[in-house]
Amino acid sequence: MTMRAAARRPAFVAGTGRPRRLRPLFHDASMPKKNLVYIQSLRNGAADRAGQPVAYQGGTRYMKAPLEFLVERLNDSPLGERYTLKGVIVDDDDGSPADRAKVADYGFARTPGRPWILPEGLTVQGRPVDELFCTIASTYRRLPRDARERAAGKQAFERRLLERLLELEADVVVLDGLLVILDELVRPGARFHRRIANIHPGITADGSPYQRRGAWATLDALHGARGERVDWASGATSSVEPVMMTGASFHYVDNGIDSGEVICDVLDTPIAPDDTILELRWNNFQRSLFPALERGLHVLADRHDAGAL
């Protein structure tokens, strides 16, 4: 059997190398629905070619964005009985030349005749998804990293995020490819501590042989299947034992890089060494990331209902 045809594997036990089966989900339908807010960077979706056909093994496949998957599940599954999507926040800065270059094909909002991360006319729970979008730009990123004003700019950005989350009466917040690290919003004692979770295209658990944290997670996994480890700071490559699987983690957000407590992870994506980055991304979305997102949101809803966030 080739790696492309490998059998599906069950979910991965956080912090171990052991797979496990997912138990059925049950919830009390009398519990009130939770208000859900989604935060992402469009520049990350643009890099994934979200909402567009991508080359795949001599043909094409549609690259469904995690947000589109979430909308489908809110519309057509029990997840929609537990959550109401209240808003979608993007942090991209139309005054930044770097951001303009990264979203060049997409732009900063849906524009006729241009690609977009979601299908036109998509609705969630009876409401057009496009109406839920708002921008809170992380403009502090224009400043040099050592600029004294940068810290104050980041604090101001997080205050604006907090104000918007309070306006939306958010109970749970999901980050997807948000290319900034949060600080004050997720500190212990903060209003949204343990209410913000990230969906990451790699296993994040400490001690896991499959761990892939950070922005290079998918590329790291691809190199790992080829028996390579890359130091992205220097570009140096060293030989390692090949790791032929990857997955996804849904985890609480802390002040580190994909270092928060794991809520749910799924290790179900075989890697073929000749995969392209977009082929592996597509496979991992379908096999691991989408299931981890859905399962993790059910776990968070259970904890919210029990007052155990």
Foldseek 3Di string as FASTA:
>chain_A
DDLVPDDFFAFADFQDRDHDHDDDDDDDLVDDAFEEEEEAAVLVLLVLVAQAWDDAPNRTDHRHDLVNLVLVCLAPHCNVSHYDYQAYEYAADPVDPVSCVSCVQCPPAHDPPGGHNDDPPDDHPRHGRSVRYDYLHLVLVVDPPPDPCSVVSLVVSVVVVVVVCVVSVGQAYEYEHHPDFDAQCQDVPHPCNVRYKYKFLFRCHPPDPGHAWDPCRLVQLLVLQVQWGADVVVRDIDGHHRDFWTAIFIFGGHRDTSNGHTQTWGITRGHDNPDDSSNSVRRRVVRHRSVNVVVSSSSVSVCVSVVND
